[in-house]
Amino acid sequence: MIILGIILLVVGFVTGVSILWTIGIVLVVIGVGLWILGSLGHAVAGRRHYW
């Protein structure tokens, strides 16, 4: 999810499409949040680890 967000950020920045930029930021933030929760040992969506 983090990688997809970064790709959308780059594509949105290069093409000037602001909706891709916004979706990319949201995906990166959600991905980082899930990664932190997973690394702390909290179950995320029924999984002990989130990759």
C-alpha atoms as a PDB file:
ATOM      1  CA  MET A   1       0.000   0.000   0.000  1.00  0.00           C
ATOM      2  CA  ILE A   2       2.888   2.310   0.756  1.00  0.00           C
ATOM      3  CA  ILE A   3       4.551   1.568  -2.577  1.00  0.00           C
ATOM      4  CA  LEU A   4       1.294   2.124  -4.487  1.00  0.00           C
ATOM      5  CA  GLY A   5       0.846   5.433  -2.679  1.00  0.00           C
ATOM      6  CA  ILE A   6       4.348   6.554  -3.587  1.00  0.00           C
ATOM      7  CA  ILE A   7       3.785   5.582  -7.231  1.00  0.00           C
ATOM      8  CA  LEU A   8       0.545   7.588  -7.303  1.00  0.00           C
ATOM      9  CA  LEU A   9       2.318  10.550  -5.693  1.00  0.00           C
ATOM     10  CA  VAL A  10       5.000  10.524  -8.380  1.00  0.00           C
ATOM     11  CA  VAL A  11       2.525  10.070 -11.247  1.00  0.00           C
ATOM     12  CA  GLY A  12       0.269  12.792  -9.857  1.00  0.00           C
ATOM     13  CA  PHE A  13       3.201  15.165  -9.453  1.00  0.00           C
ATOM     14  CA  VAL A  14       4.558  14.532 -12.958  1.00  0.00           C
ATOM     15  CA  THR A  15       1.205  14.749 -14.743  1.00  0.00           C
ATOM     16  CA  GLY A  16      -0.240  17.504 -12.562  1.00  0.00           C
ATOM     17  CA  VAL A  17      -3.364  15.500 -11.685  1.00  0.00           C
ATOM     18  CA  SER A  18      -4.238  16.556  -8.146  1.00  0.00           C
ATOM     19  CA  ILE A  19      -6.615  13.644  -7.412  1.00  0.00           C
ATOM     20  CA  LEU A  20      -3.753  11.161  -7.876  1.00  0.00           C
ATOM     21  CA  TRP A  21      -1.639  13.261  -5.520  1.00  0.00           C
ATOM     22  CA  THR A  22      -4.415  13.202  -2.890  1.00  0.00           C
ATOM     23  CA  ILE A  23      -5.069   9.464  -3.210  1.00  0.00           C
ATOM     24  CA  GLY A  24      -1.325   8.816  -2.997  1.00  0.00           C
ATOM     25  CA  ILE A  25      -1.022  10.787   0.243  1.00  0.00           C
ATOM     26  CA  VAL A  26      -3.989   8.935   1.759  1.00  0.00           C
ATOM     27  CA  LEU A  27      -2.578   5.526   0.788  1.00  0.00           C
ATOM     28  CA  VAL A  28       0.847   6.338   2.193  1.00  0.00           C
ATOM     29  CA  VAL A  29      -0.623   7.531   5.501  1.00  0.00           C
ATOM     30  CA  ILE A  30      -2.871   4.465   5.845  1.00  0.00           C
ATOM     31  CA  GLY A  31      -0.032   2.135   4.860  1.00  0.00           C
ATOM     32  CA  VAL A  32       2.357   3.657   7.400  1.00  0.00           C
ATOM     33  CA  GLY A  33      -0.324   3.463  10.090  1.00  0.00           C
ATOM     34  CA  LEU A  34      -0.994  -0.209   9.388  1.00  0.00           C
ATOM     35  CA  TRP A  35       2.732  -0.921   9.281  1.00  0.00           C
ATOM     36  CA  ILE A  36       3.248   0.697  12.688  1.00  0.00           C
ATOM     37  CA  LEU A  37       0.302  -1.170  14.218  1.00  0.00           C
ATOM     38  CA  GLY A  38       1.562  -4.450  12.791  1.00  0.00           C
ATOM     39  CA  SER A  39       5.093  -3.899  14.028  1.00  0.00           C
ATOM     40  CA  LEU A  40       3.825  -3.129  17.538  1.00  0.00           C
ATOM     41  CA  GLY A  41       2.154  -6.532  17.675  1.00  0.00           C
ATOM     42  CA  HIS A  42      -1.451  -5.380  17.334  1.00  0.00           C
ATOM     43  CA  ALA A  43      -3.701  -7.524  15.179  1.00  0.00           C
ATOM     44  CA  VAL A  44      -4.618  -5.619  12.025  1.00  0.00           C
ATOM     45  CA  ALA A  45      -7.680  -6.936  10.135  1.00  0.00           C
ATOM     46  CA  GLY A  46      -7.384 -10.249  11.950  1.00  0.00           C
ATOM     47  CA  ARG A  47      -3.667 -10.664  11.177  1.00  0.00           C
ATOM     48  CA  ARG A  48      -0.791 -10.446  13.596  1.00  0.00           C
ATOM     49  CA  HIS A  49       1.503  -9.078  10.854  1.00  0.00           C
ATOM     50  CA  TYR A  50       0.727  -6.656   8.055  1.00  0.00           C
ATOM     51  CA  TRP A  51       3.087  -6.825   5.103  1.00  0.00           C
END
